């Protein structure tokens, strides 16, 4: 059976390389929160605990001048979560940067692929 072709996976992170850095995992969590309207559902879809998702949301909200995620507790109103306007902007800009990184590295990646066994 042939091995699957290697895939290039650039990983943009900022502002530093520590555990609170914003990167692809947090961007994916934001995407899922935006799509589901729920931190709990987003966590389940990503295979992470609700507690871990909340930790990541708290870290993201602390990293920026304003929160990226607004959450309402459950109860009579049903609760939920949504990206704030800043959260939408950060996710859009991060996604564009990641796409641009992949596009910029595509020619060199193709050359490297030809050198692999």
PDB file of N, CA and C in Angstrom:
ATOM      1  N   UNK A   1       0.838  -1.175   0.000  1.00  0.00           N
ATOM      2  CA  UNK A   1       0.000   0.000   0.000  1.00  0.00           C
ATOM      3  C   UNK A   1       0.888   1.246   0.000  1.00  0.00           C
ATOM      4  N   UNK A   2       0.580   2.188  -0.851  1.00  0.00           N
ATOM      5  CA  UNK A   2       1.376   3.409  -0.962  1.00  0.00           C
ATOM      6  C   UNK A   2       1.086   4.350   0.210  1.00  0.00           C
ATOM      7  N   UNK A   3       2.129   5.040   0.618  1.00  0.00           N
ATOM      8  CA  UNK A   3       1.964   6.041   1.675  1.00  0.00           C
ATOM      9  C   UNK A   3       1.212   7.244   1.126  1.00  0.00           C
ATOM     10  N   UNK A   4       0.400   7.893   1.946  1.00  0.00           N
ATOM     11  CA  UNK A   4      -0.237   9.122   1.482  1.00  0.00           C
ATOM     12  C   UNK A   4       0.821  10.198   1.256  1.00  0.00           C
ATOM     13  N   UNK A   5       0.561  11.078   0.318  1.00  0.00           N
ATOM     14  CA  UNK A   5       1.510  12.154   0.017  1.00  0.00           C
ATOM     15  C   UNK A   5       1.650  13.069   1.228  1.00  0.00           C
ATOM     16  N   UNK A   6       2.876  13.487   1.540  1.00  0.00           N
ATOM     17  CA  UNK A   6       3.076  14.420   2.648  1.00  0.00           C
ATOM     18  C   UNK A   6       2.326  15.727   2.380  1.00  0.00           C
ATOM     19  N   UNK A   7       1.865  16.328   3.447  1.00  0.00           N
ATOM     20  CA  UNK A   7       1.173  17.606   3.360  1.00  0.00           C
ATOM     21  C   UNK A   7       1.948  18.652   4.143  1.00  0.00           C
ATOM     22  N   UNK A   8       2.081  19.827   3.577  1.00  0.00           N
ATOM     23  CA  UNK A   8       2.700  20.940   4.292  1.00  0.00           C
ATOM     24  C   UNK A   8       1.645  21.582   5.178  1.00  0.00           C
ATOM     25  N   UNK A   9       1.992  21.803   6.433  1.00  0.00           N
ATOM     26  CA  UNK A   9       1.051  22.394   7.378  1.00  0.00           C
ATOM     27  C   UNK A   9       1.709  23.543   8.118  1.00  0.00           C
ATOM     28  N   UNK A  10       1.807  24.720   7.459  1.00  0.00           N
ATOM     29  CA  UNK A  10       2.385  25.866   8.165  1.00  0.00           C
ATOM     30  C   UNK A  10       1.513  26.229   9.373  1.00  0.00           C
ATOM     31  N   UNK A  11       2.152  26.620  10.455  1.00  0.00           N
ATOM     32  CA  UNK A  11       1.431  26.944  11.685  1.00  0.00           C
ATOM     33  C   UNK A  11       1.838  28.329  12.146  1.00  0.00           C
ATOM     34  N   UNK A  12       0.986  29.283  11.918  1.00  0.00           N
ATOM     35  CA  UNK A  12       1.232  30.650  12.363  1.00  0.00           C
ATOM     36  C   UNK A  12       0.811  30.785  13.818  1.00  0.00           C
ATOM     37  N   UNK A  13       1.681  31.380  14.625  1.00  0.00           N
ATOM     38  CA  UNK A  13       1.378  31.609  16.037  1.00  0.00           C
ATOM     39  C   UNK A  13       1.830  33.013  16.404  1.00  0.00           C
ATOM     40  N   UNK A  14       1.056  33.647  17.266  1.00  0.00           N
ATOM     41  CA  UNK A  14       1.462  34.946  17.787  1.00  0.00           C
ATOM     42  C   UNK A  14       0.802  35.146  19.137  1.00  0.00           C
ATOM     43  N   UNK A  15       1.273  35.986  19.997  1.00  0.00           N
ATOM     44  CA  UNK A  15       2.432  36.855  19.868  1.00  0.00           C
ATOM     45  C   UNK A  15       3.729  36.198  20.297  1.00  0.00           C
ATOM     46  N   UNK A  16       3.655  35.018  20.906  1.00  0.00           N
ATOM     47  CA  UNK A  16       4.866  34.301  21.319  1.00  0.00           C
ATOM     48  C   UNK A  16       4.577  32.810  21.248  1.00  0.00           C
ATOM     49  N   UNK A  17       5.554  32.003  21.539  1.00  0.00           N
ATOM     50  CA  UNK A  17       5.397  30.561  21.363  1.00  0.00           C
ATOM     51  C   UNK A  17       4.895  29.848  22.618  1.00  0.00           C
ATOM     52  N   UNK A  18       4.459  30.602  23.616  1.00  0.00           N
ATOM     53  CA  UNK A  18       3.989  29.978  24.852  1.00  0.00           C
ATOM     54  C   UNK A  18       2.592  29.394  24.708  1.00  0.00           C
ATOM     55  N   UNK A  19       2.072  28.856  25.793  1.00  0.00           N
ATOM     56  CA  UNK A  19       0.754  28.219  25.736  1.00  0.00           C
ATOM     57  C   UNK A  19      -0.388  29.191  25.452  1.00  0.00           C
ATOM     58  N   UNK A  20      -0.176  30.472  25.689  1.00  0.00           N
ATOM     59  CA  UNK A  20      -1.231  31.456  25.432  1.00  0.00           C
ATOM     60  C   UNK A  20      -1.171  32.039  24.030  1.00  0.00           C
ATOM     61  N   UNK A  21      -0.253  31.551  23.204  1.00  0.00           N
ATOM     62  CA  UNK A  21      -0.138  32.068  21.836  1.00  0.00           C
ATOM     63  C   UNK A  21      -1.408  31.758  21.048  1.00  0.00           C
ATOM     64  N   UNK A  22      -1.756  32.669  20.152  1.00  0.00           N
ATOM     65  CA  UNK A  22      -2.888  32.433  19.257  1.00  0.00           C
ATOM     66  C   UNK A  22      -2.350  31.695  18.048  1.00  0.00           C
ATOM     67  N   UNK A  23      -2.991  30.589  17.688  1.00  0.00           N
ATOM     68  CA  UNK A  23      -2.527  29.800  16.555  1.00  0.00           C
ATOM     69  C   UNK A  23      -3.667  29.023  15.943  1.00  0.00           C
ATOM     70  N   UNK A  24      -3.342  27.991  15.179  1.00  0.00           N
ATOM     71  CA  UNK A  24      -4.369  27.270  14.426  1.00  0.00           C
ATOM     72  C   UNK A  24      -5.419  26.582  15.300  1.00  0.00           C
ATOM     73  N   UNK A  25      -5.053  26.099  16.455  1.00  0.00           N
ATOM     74  CA  UNK A  25      -6.026  25.440  17.322  1.00  0.00           C
ATOM     75  C   UNK A  25      -7.078  26.403  17.846  1.00  0.00           C
ATOM     76  N   UNK A  26      -6.644  27.560  18.276  1.00  0.00           N
ATOM     77  CA  UNK A  26      -7.586  28.556  18.775  1.00  0.00           C
ATOM     78  C   UNK A  26      -8.435  29.113  17.638  1.00  0.00           C
ATOM     79  N   UNK A  27      -7.836  29.285  16.473  1.00  0.00           N
ATOM     80  CA  UNK A  27      -8.617  29.738  15.318  1.00  0.00           C
ATOM     81  C   UNK A  27      -9.702  28.713  14.987  1.00  0.00           C
ATOM     82  N   UNK A  28      -9.373  27.434  15.057  1.00  0.00           N
ATOM     83  CA  UNK A  28     -10.356  26.384  14.771  1.00  0.00           C
ATOM     84  C   UNK A  28     -11.470  26.406  15.814  1.00  0.00           C
ATOM     85  N   UNK A  29     -11.124  26.629  17.073  1.00  0.00           N
ATOM     86  CA  UNK A  29     -12.150  26.737  18.107  1.00  0.00           C
ATOM     87  C   UNK A  29     -13.071  27.919  17.809  1.00  0.00           C
ATOM     88  N   UNK A  30     -12.511  29.052  17.420  1.00  0.00           N
ATOM     89  CA  UNK A  30     -13.348  30.202  17.060  1.00  0.00           C
ATOM     90  C   UNK A  30     -14.289  29.861  15.904  1.00  0.00           C
ATOM     91  N   UNK A  31     -13.765  29.168  14.888  1.00  0.00           N
ATOM     92  CA  UNK A  31     -14.611  28.773  13.751  1.00  0.00           C
ATOM     93  C   UNK A  31     -15.799  27.934  14.207  1.00  0.00           C
ATOM     94  N   UNK A  32     -15.543  26.998  15.100  1.00  0.00           N
ATOM     95  CA  UNK A  32     -16.605  26.113  15.571  1.00  0.00           C
ATOM     96  C   UNK A  32     -17.592  26.853  16.480  1.00  0.00           C
ATOM     97  N   UNK A  33     -17.105  27.765  17.295  1.00  0.00           N
ATOM     98  CA  UNK A  33     -18.010  28.561  18.123  1.00  0.00           C
ATOM     99  C   UNK A  33     -18.912  29.407  17.232  1.00  0.00           C
ATOM    100  N   UNK A  34     -18.328  30.020  16.206  1.00  0.00           N
ATOM    101  CA  UNK A  34     -19.115  30.829  15.277  1.00  0.00           C
ATOM    102  C   UNK A  34     -20.170  29.984  14.570  1.00  0.00           C
ATOM    103  N   UNK A  35     -19.814  28.767  14.197  1.00  0.00           N
ATOM    104  CA  UNK A  35     -20.728  27.903  13.444  1.00  0.00           C
ATOM    105  C   UNK A  35     -21.833  27.309  14.318  1.00  0.00           C
ATOM    106  N   UNK A  36     -21.522  27.026  15.584  1.00  0.00           N
ATOM    107  CA  UNK A  36     -22.484  26.328  16.434  1.00  0.00           C
ATOM    108  C   UNK A  36     -23.197  27.225  17.433  1.00  0.00           C
ATOM    109  N   UNK A  37     -22.611  28.376  17.742  1.00  0.00           N
ATOM    110  CA  UNK A  37     -23.202  29.244  18.756  1.00  0.00           C
ATOM    111  C   UNK A  37     -23.053  28.693  20.159  1.00  0.00           C
ATOM    112  N   UNK A  38     -22.090  27.786  20.338  1.00  0.00           N
ATOM    113  CA  UNK A  38     -21.947  27.119  21.633  1.00  0.00           C
ATOM    114  C   UNK A  38     -20.501  26.704  21.861  1.00  0.00           C
ATOM    115  N   UNK A  39     -19.984  27.040  23.033  1.00  0.00           N
ATOM    116  CA  UNK A  39     -18.641  26.584  23.399  1.00  0.00           C
ATOM    117  C   UNK A  39     -18.669  25.079  23.647  1.00  0.00           C
ATOM    118  N   UNK A  40     -19.714  24.595  24.303  1.00  0.00           N
ATOM    119  CA  UNK A  40     -19.823  23.160  24.601  1.00  0.00           C
ATOM    120  C   UNK A  40     -19.866  22.340  23.304  1.00  0.00           C
ATOM    121  N   UNK A  41     -20.692  22.747  22.354  1.00  0.00           N
ATOM    122  CA  UNK A  41     -20.802  22.005  21.098  1.00  0.00           C
ATOM    123  C   UNK A  41     -19.508  22.100  20.299  1.00  0.00           C
ATOM    124  N   UNK A  42     -18.900  23.281  20.279  1.00  0.00           N
ATOM    125  CA  UNK A  42     -17.627  23.439  19.576  1.00  0.00           C
ATOM    126  C   UNK A  42     -16.575  22.513  20.170  1.00  0.00           C
ATOM    127  N   UNK A  43     -16.505  22.458  21.495  1.00  0.00           N
ATOM    128  CA  UNK A  43     -15.541  21.578  22.164  1.00  0.00           C
ATOM    129  C   UNK A  43     -15.792  20.125  21.780  1.00  0.00           C
ATOM    130  N   UNK A  44     -17.051  19.699  21.813  1.00  0.00           N
ATOM    131  CA  UNK A  44     -17.384  18.306  21.477  1.00  0.00           C
ATOM    132  C   UNK A  44     -16.981  17.990  20.045  1.00  0.00           C
ATOM    133  N   UNK A  45     -17.255  18.905  19.115  1.00  0.00           N
ATOM    134  CA  UNK A  45     -16.901  18.672  17.716  1.00  0.00           C
ATOM    135  C   UNK A  45     -15.391  18.562  17.522  1.00  0.00           C
ATOM    136  N   UNK A  46     -14.637  19.254  18.366  1.00  0.00           N
ATOM    137  CA  UNK A  46     -13.176  19.225  18.258  1.00  0.00           C
ATOM    138  C   UNK A  46     -12.547  18.135  19.125  1.00  0.00           C
ATOM    139  N   UNK A  47     -13.369  17.397  19.857  1.00  0.00           N
ATOM    140  CA  UNK A  47     -12.843  16.317  20.692  1.00  0.00           C
ATOM    141  C   UNK A  47     -12.097  16.803  21.913  1.00  0.00           C
ATOM    142  N   UNK A  48     -12.489  17.965  22.438  1.00  0.00           N
ATOM    143  CA  UNK A  48     -11.835  18.474  23.646  1.00  0.00           C
ATOM    144  C   UNK A  48     -12.873  18.645  24.745  1.00  0.00           C
ATOM    145  N   UNK A  49     -12.402  18.739  25.947  1.00  0.00           N
ATOM    146  CA  UNK A  49     -13.330  18.912  27.059  1.00  0.00           C
ATOM    147  C   UNK A  49     -13.881  20.336  27.050  1.00  0.00           C
ATOM    148  N   UNK A  50     -15.060  20.468  27.635  1.00  0.00           N
ATOM    149  CA  UNK A  50     -15.689  21.784  27.777  1.00  0.00           C
ATOM    150  C   UNK A  50     -14.783  22.701  28.596  1.00  0.00           C
ATOM    151  N   UNK A  51     -14.188  22.139  29.649  1.00  0.00           N
ATOM    152  CA  UNK A  51     -13.297  22.928  30.502  1.00  0.00           C
ATOM    153  C   UNK A  51     -12.101  23.456  29.700  1.00  0.00           C
ATOM    154  N   UNK A  52     -11.522  22.613  28.876  1.00  0.00           N
ATOM    155  CA  UNK A  52     -10.370  23.038  28.057  1.00  0.00           C
ATOM    156  C   UNK A  52     -10.785  24.130  27.072  1.00  0.00           C
ATOM    157  N   UNK A  53     -11.950  23.986  26.465  1.00  0.00           N
ATOM    158  CA  UNK A  53     -12.426  25.014  25.542  1.00  0.00           C
ATOM    159  C   UNK A  53     -12.591  26.340  26.272  1.00  0.00           C
ATOM    160  N   UNK A  54     -13.149  26.301  27.478  1.00  0.00           N
ATOM    161  CA  UNK A  54     -13.300  27.535  28.259  1.00  0.00           C
ATOM    162  C   UNK A  54     -11.941  28.144  28.596  1.00  0.00           C
ATOM    163  N   UNK A  55     -10.963  27.309  28.923  1.00  0.00           N
ATOM    164  CA  UNK A  55      -9.617  27.815  29.197  1.00  0.00           C
ATOM    165  C   UNK A  55      -9.058  28.541  27.974  1.00  0.00           C
ATOM    166  N   UNK A  56      -9.258  27.961  26.794  1.00  0.00           N
ATOM    167  CA  UNK A  56      -8.760  28.581  25.567  1.00  0.00           C
ATOM    168  C   UNK A  56      -9.498  29.876  25.263  1.00  0.00           C
ATOM    169  N   UNK A  57     -10.799  29.895  25.470  1.00  0.00           N
ATOM    170  CA  UNK A  57     -11.577  31.131  25.259  1.00  0.00           C
ATOM    171  C   UNK A  57     -11.097  32.214  26.223  1.00  0.00           C
ATOM    172  N   UNK A  58     -10.887  31.855  27.484  1.00  0.00           N
ATOM    173  CA  UNK A  58     -10.404  32.810  28.477  1.00  0.00           C
ATOM    174  C   UNK A  58      -9.034  33.355  28.079  1.00  0.00           C
ATOM    175  N   UNK A  59      -8.145  32.474  27.606  1.00  0.00           N
ATOM    176  CA  UNK A  59      -6.808  32.905  27.174  1.00  0.00           C
ATOM    177  C   UNK A  59      -6.898  33.838  25.974  1.00  0.00           C
ATOM    178  N   UNK A  60      -7.773  33.505  25.004  1.00  0.00           N
ATOM    179  CA  UNK A  60      -7.929  34.376  23.831  1.00  0.00           C
ATOM    180  C   UNK A  60      -8.490  35.728  24.234  1.00  0.00           C
ATOM    181  N   UNK A  61      -9.499  35.723  25.091  1.00  0.00           N
ATOM    182  CA  UNK A  61     -10.103  36.981  25.515  1.00  0.00           C
ATOM    183  C   UNK A  61      -9.100  37.855  26.257  1.00  0.00           C
ATOM    184  N   UNK A  62      -8.174  37.242  26.993  1.00  0.00           N
ATOM    185  CA  UNK A  62      -7.160  37.997  27.736  1.00  0.00           C
ATOM    186  C   UNK A  62      -6.038  38.500  26.832  1.00  0.00           C
ATOM    187  N   UNK A  63      -5.851  37.864  25.689  1.00  0.00           N
ATOM    188  CA  UNK A  63      -4.751  38.194  24.793  1.00  0.00           C
ATOM    189  C   UNK A  63      -5.001  39.489  24.015  1.00  0.00           C
ATOM    190  N   UNK A  64      -6.258  39.810  23.775  1.00  0.00           N
ATOM    191  CA  UNK A  64      -6.611  40.962  22.952  1.00  0.00           C
ATOM    192  C   UNK A  64      -7.191  42.096  23.796  1.00  0.00           C
ATOM    193  N   UNK A  65      -7.241  43.277  23.215  1.00  0.00           N
ATOM    194  CA  UNK A  65      -7.737  44.455  23.926  1.00  0.00           C
ATOM    195  C   UNK A  65      -9.199  44.327  24.320  1.00  0.00           C
ATOM    196  N   UNK A  66      -9.951  43.572  23.536  1.00  0.00           N
ATOM    197  CA  UNK A  66     -11.355  43.303  23.830  1.00  0.00           C
ATOM    198  C   UNK A  66     -11.579  41.808  23.631  1.00  0.00           C
ATOM    199  N   UNK A  67     -12.634  41.255  24.237  1.00  0.00           N
ATOM    200  CA  UNK A  67     -12.895  39.813  24.090  1.00  0.00           C
ATOM    201  C   UNK A  67     -13.181  39.423  22.641  1.00  0.00           C
ATOM    202  N   UNK A  68     -12.819  38.185  22.321  1.00  0.00           N
ATOM    203  CA  UNK A  68     -13.121  37.618  21.008  1.00  0.00           C
ATOM    204  C   UNK A  68     -14.417  36.816  21.033  1.00  0.00           C
ATOM    205  N   UNK A  69     -14.774  36.312  22.213  1.00  0.00           N
ATOM    206  CA  UNK A  69     -15.969  35.484  22.368  1.00  0.00           C
ATOM    207  C   UNK A  69     -16.824  36.078  23.485  1.00  0.00           C
ATOM    208  N   UNK A  70     -18.110  36.225  23.200  1.00  0.00           N
ATOM    209  CA  UNK A  70     -19.086  36.631  24.217  1.00  0.00           C
ATOM    210  C   UNK A  70     -19.947  35.416  24.508  1.00  0.00           C
ATOM    211  N   UNK A  71     -20.082  35.092  25.791  1.00  0.00           N
ATOM    212  CA  UNK A  71     -20.854  33.907  26.176  1.00  0.00           C
ATOM    213  C   UNK A  71     -21.929  34.314  27.167  1.00  0.00           C
ATOM    214  N   UNK A  72     -23.077  33.655  27.048  1.00  0.00           N
ATOM    215  CA  UNK A  72     -24.176  33.836  27.993  1.00  0.00           C
ATOM    216  C   UNK A  72     -24.441  32.496  28.654  1.00  0.00           C
ATOM    217  N   UNK A  73     -24.648  32.535  29.949  1.00  0.00           N
ATOM    218  CA  UNK A  73     -24.941  31.295  30.682  1.00  0.00           C
ATOM    219  C   UNK A  73     -26.278  30.721  30.235  1.00  0.00           C
ATOM    220  N   UNK A  74     -26.440  29.432  30.457  1.00  0.00           N
ATOM    221  CA  UNK A  74     -27.686  28.745  30.113  1.00  0.00           C
ATOM    222  C   UNK A  74     -28.838  29.207  30.976  1.00  0.00           C
ATOM    223  N   UNK A  75     -29.780  28.361  31.169  1.00  0.00           N
ATOM    224  CA  UNK A  75     -30.958  28.717  31.966  1.00  0.00           C
ATOM    225  C   UNK A  75     -32.132  29.004  31.052  1.00  0.00           C
ATOM    226  N   UNK A  76     -32.986  29.917  31.488  1.00  0.00           N
ATOM    227  CA  UNK A  76     -34.200  30.227  30.738  1.00  0.00           C
ATOM    228  C   UNK A  76     -33.939  30.755  29.342  1.00  0.00           C
ATOM    229  N   UNK A  77     -32.830  31.466  29.165  1.00  0.00           N
ATOM    230  CA  UNK A  77     -32.524  32.028  27.845  1.00  0.00           C
ATOM    231  C   UNK A  77     -31.784  31.041  26.958  1.00  0.00           C
ATOM    232  N   UNK A  78     -31.338  29.934  27.511  1.00  0.00           N
ATOM    233  CA  UNK A  78     -30.667  28.920  26.700  1.00  0.00           C
ATOM    234  C   UNK A  78     -29.175  29.112  26.567  1.00  0.00           C
ATOM    235  N   UNK A  79     -28.652  30.263  26.953  1.00  0.00           N
ATOM    236  CA  UNK A  79     -27.215  30.485  26.885  1.00  0.00           C
ATOM    237  C   UNK A  79     -26.709  30.504  25.460  1.00  0.00           C
ATOM    238  N   UNK A  80     -25.420  30.343  25.310  1.00  0.00           N
ATOM    239  CA  UNK A  80     -24.809  30.318  23.994  1.00  0.00           C
ATOM    240  C   UNK A  80     -23.555  31.162  23.956  1.00  0.00           C
ATOM    241  N   UNK A  81     -22.925  31.185  22.819  1.00  0.00           N
ATOM    242  CA  UNK A  81     -21.696  31.946  22.631  1.00  0.00           C
ATOM    243  C   UNK A  81     -21.636  32.425  21.192  1.00  0.00           C
ATOM    244  N   UNK A  82     -20.977  33.542  21.011  1.00  0.00           N
ATOM    245  CA  UNK A  82     -20.809  34.104  19.669  1.00  0.00           C
ATOM    246  C   UNK A  82     -19.494  34.869  19.624  1.00  0.00           C
ATOM    247  N   UNK A  83     -18.949  34.982  18.433  1.00  0.00           N
ATOM    248  CA  UNK A  83     -17.776  35.824  18.267  1.00  0.00           C
ATOM    249  C   UNK A  83     -18.215  37.279  18.335  1.00  0.00           C
ATOM    250  N   UNK A  84     -17.396  38.075  18.979  1.00  0.00           N
ATOM    251  CA  UNK A  84     -17.626  39.513  18.983  1.00  0.00           C
ATOM    252  C   UNK A  84     -17.170  40.051  17.624  1.00  0.00           C
ATOM    253  N   UNK A  85     -17.468  41.307  17.313  1.00  0.00           N
ATOM    254  CA  UNK A  85     -16.932  41.864  16.063  1.00  0.00           C
ATOM    255  C   UNK A  85     -15.403  41.734  15.990  1.00  0.00           C
ATOM    256  N   UNK A  86     -14.718  41.941  17.120  1.00  0.00           N
ATOM    257  CA  UNK A  86     -13.260  41.771  17.111  1.00  0.00           C
ATOM    258  C   UNK A  86     -12.896  40.310  16.867  1.00  0.00           C
ATOM    259  N   UNK A  87     -13.637  39.376  17.445  1.00  0.00           N
ATOM    260  CA  UNK A  87     -13.382  37.955  17.214  1.00  0.00           C
ATOM    261  C   UNK A  87     -13.537  37.598  15.751  1.00  0.00           C
ATOM    262  N   UNK A  88     -14.556  38.126  15.110  1.00  0.00           N
ATOM    263  CA  UNK A  88     -14.751  37.892  13.680  1.00  0.00           C
ATOM    264  C   UNK A  88     -13.594  38.464  12.876  1.00  0.00           C
ATOM    265  N   UNK A  89     -13.142  39.667  13.252  1.00  0.00           N
ATOM    266  CA  UNK A  89     -12.024  40.286  12.537  1.00  0.00           C
ATOM    267  C   UNK A  89     -10.733  39.499  12.718  1.00  0.00           C
ATOM    268  N   UNK A  90     -10.445  39.105  13.958  1.00  0.00           N
ATOM    269  CA  UNK A  90      -9.220  38.339  14.233  1.00  0.00           C
ATOM    270  C   UNK A  90      -9.240  37.021  13.452  1.00  0.00           C
ATOM    271  N   UNK A  91     -10.362  36.322  13.468  1.00  0.00           N
ATOM    272  CA  UNK A  91     -10.449  35.058  12.740  1.00  0.00           C
ATOM    273  C   UNK A  91     -10.288  35.275  11.241  1.00  0.00           C
ATOM    274  N   UNK A  92     -10.913  36.293  10.698  1.00  0.00           N
ATOM    275  CA  UNK A  92     -10.798  36.567   9.260  1.00  0.00           C
ATOM    276  C   UNK A  92      -9.361  36.911   8.885  1.00  0.00           C
ATOM    277  N   UNK A  93      -8.723  37.754   9.677  1.00  0.00           N
ATOM    278  CA  UNK A  93      -7.339  38.146   9.370  1.00  0.00           C
ATOM    279  C   UNK A  93      -6.388  36.956   9.521  1.00  0.00           C
ATOM    280  N   UNK A  94      -6.566  36.169  10.569  1.00  0.00           N
ATOM    281  CA  UNK A  94      -5.714  34.999  10.771  1.00  0.00           C
ATOM    282  C   UNK A  94      -5.884  34.018   9.613  1.00  0.00           C
ATOM    283  N   UNK A  95      -7.124  33.796   9.194  1.00  0.00           N
ATOM    284  CA  UNK A  95      -7.388  32.876   8.086  1.00  0.00           C
ATOM    285  C   UNK A  95      -6.731  33.365   6.808  1.00  0.00           C
ATOM    286  N   UNK A  96      -6.816  34.667   6.537  1.00  0.00           N
ATOM    287  CA  UNK A  96      -6.157  35.219   5.339  1.00  0.00           C
ATOM    288  C   UNK A  96      -4.642  35.056   5.422  1.00  0.00           C
ATOM    289  N   UNK A  97      -4.077  35.284   6.599  1.00  0.00           N
ATOM    290  CA  UNK A  97      -2.634  35.118   6.772  1.00  0.00           C
ATOM    291  C   UNK A  97      -2.216  33.674   6.535  1.00  0.00           C
ATOM    292  N   UNK A  98      -2.969  32.722   7.093  1.00  0.00           N
ATOM    293  CA  UNK A  98      -2.642  31.305   6.916  1.00  0.00           C
ATOM    294  C   UNK A  98      -2.757  30.905   5.447  1.00  0.00           C
ATOM    295  N   UNK A  99      -3.803  31.387   4.766  1.00  0.00           N
ATOM    296  CA  UNK A  99      -3.961  31.098   3.336  1.00  0.00           C
ATOM    297  C   UNK A  99      -2.806  31.686   2.530  1.00  0.00           C
ATOM    298  N   UNK A 100      -2.412  32.911   2.867  1.00  0.00           N
ATOM    299  CA  UNK A 100      -1.301  33.561   2.157  1.00  0.00           C
ATOM    300  C   UNK A 100       0.011  32.814   2.400  1.00  0.00           C
ATOM    301  N   UNK A 101       0.189  32.304   3.609  1.00  0.00           N
ATOM    302  CA  UNK A 101       1.395  31.530   3.925  1.00  0.00           C
ATOM    303  C   UNK A 101       1.460  30.268   3.076  1.00  0.00           C
ATOM    304  N   UNK A 102       0.329  29.560   2.989  1.00  0.00           N
ATOM    305  CA  UNK A 102       0.307  28.349   2.165  1.00  0.00           C
ATOM    306  C   UNK A 102       0.576  28.677   0.695  1.00  0.00           C
ATOM    307  N   UNK A 103      -0.015  29.760   0.204  1.00  0.00           N
ATOM    308  CA  UNK A 103       0.193  30.148  -1.196  1.00  0.00           C
ATOM    309  C   UNK A 103       1.651  30.532  -1.442  1.00  0.00           C
ATOM    310  N   UNK A 104       2.255  31.249  -0.495  1.00  0.00           N
ATOM    311  CA  UNK A 104       3.639  31.701  -0.660  1.00  0.00           C
ATOM    312  C   UNK A 104       4.627  30.538  -0.627  1.00  0.00           C
ATOM    313  N   UNK A 105       4.301  29.496   0.113  1.00  0.00           N
ATOM    314  CA  UNK A 105       5.229  28.365   0.243  1.00  0.00           C
ATOM    315  C   UNK A 105       4.976  27.266  -0.785  1.00  0.00           C
ATOM    316  N   UNK A 106       3.894  27.364  -1.535  1.00  0.00           N
ATOM    317  CA  UNK A 106       3.528  26.298  -2.484  1.00  0.00           C
ATOM    318  C   UNK A 106       4.648  25.946  -3.467  1.00  0.00           C
ATOM    319  N   UNK A 107       5.310  26.917  -4.126  1.00  0.00           N
ATOM    320  CA  UNK A 107       6.368  26.539  -5.083  1.00  0.00           C
ATOM    321  C   UNK A 107       7.541  25.800  -4.423  1.00  0.00           C
ATOM    322  N   UNK A 108       7.993  26.295  -3.277  1.00  0.00           N
ATOM    323  CA  UNK A 108       9.100  25.624  -2.596  1.00  0.00           C
ATOM    324  C   UNK A 108       8.669  24.255  -2.076  1.00  0.00           C
ATOM    325  N   UNK A 109       7.426  24.135  -1.630  1.00  0.00           N
ATOM    326  CA  UNK A 109       6.931  22.850  -1.169  1.00  0.00           C
ATOM    327  C   UNK A 109       6.905  21.850  -2.320  1.00  0.00           C
ATOM    328  N   UNK A 110       6.474  22.286  -3.502  1.00  0.00           N
ATOM    329  CA  UNK A 110       6.460  21.395  -4.656  1.00  0.00           C
ATOM    330  C   UNK A 110       7.871  20.915  -4.978  1.00  0.00           C
ATOM    331  N   UNK A 111       8.844  21.811  -4.867  1.00  0.00           N
ATOM    332  CA  UNK A 111      10.235  21.435  -5.124  1.00  0.00           C
ATOM    333  C   UNK A 111      10.729  20.438  -4.067  1.00  0.00           C
ATOM    334  N   UNK A 112      10.385  20.673  -2.819  1.00  0.00           N
ATOM    335  CA  UNK A 112      10.792  19.750  -1.756  1.00  0.00           C
ATOM    336  C   UNK A 112      10.149  18.381  -1.923  1.00  0.00           C
ATOM    337  N   UNK A 113       8.904  18.358  -2.350  1.00  0.00           N
ATOM    338  CA  UNK A 113       8.229  17.076  -2.574  1.00  0.00           C
ATOM    339  C   UNK A 113       8.963  16.222  -3.589  1.00  0.00           C
ATOM    340  N   UNK A 114       9.519  16.867  -4.617  1.00  0.00           N
ATOM    341  CA  UNK A 114      10.268  16.115  -5.646  1.00  0.00           C
ATOM    342  C   UNK A 114      11.561  15.527  -5.084  1.00  0.00           C
ATOM    343  N   UNK A 115      12.030  16.052  -3.956  1.00  0.00           N
ATOM    344  CA  UNK A 115      13.276  15.566  -3.358  1.00  0.00           C
ATOM    345  C   UNK A 115      13.045  14.452  -2.323  1.00  0.00           C
ATOM    346  N   UNK A 116      11.805  14.271  -1.926  1.00  0.00           N
ATOM    347  CA  UNK A 116      11.489  13.237  -0.947  1.00  0.00           C
ATOM    348  C   UNK A 116      11.463  11.855  -1.585  1.00  0.00           C
ATOM    349  N   UNK A 117      11.711  10.827  -0.788  1.00  0.00           N
ATOM    350  CA  UNK A 117      11.594   9.446  -1.278  1.00  0.00           C
ATOM    351  C   UNK A 117      10.156   9.100  -1.516  1.00  0.00           C
TER     352      UNK A 117
END
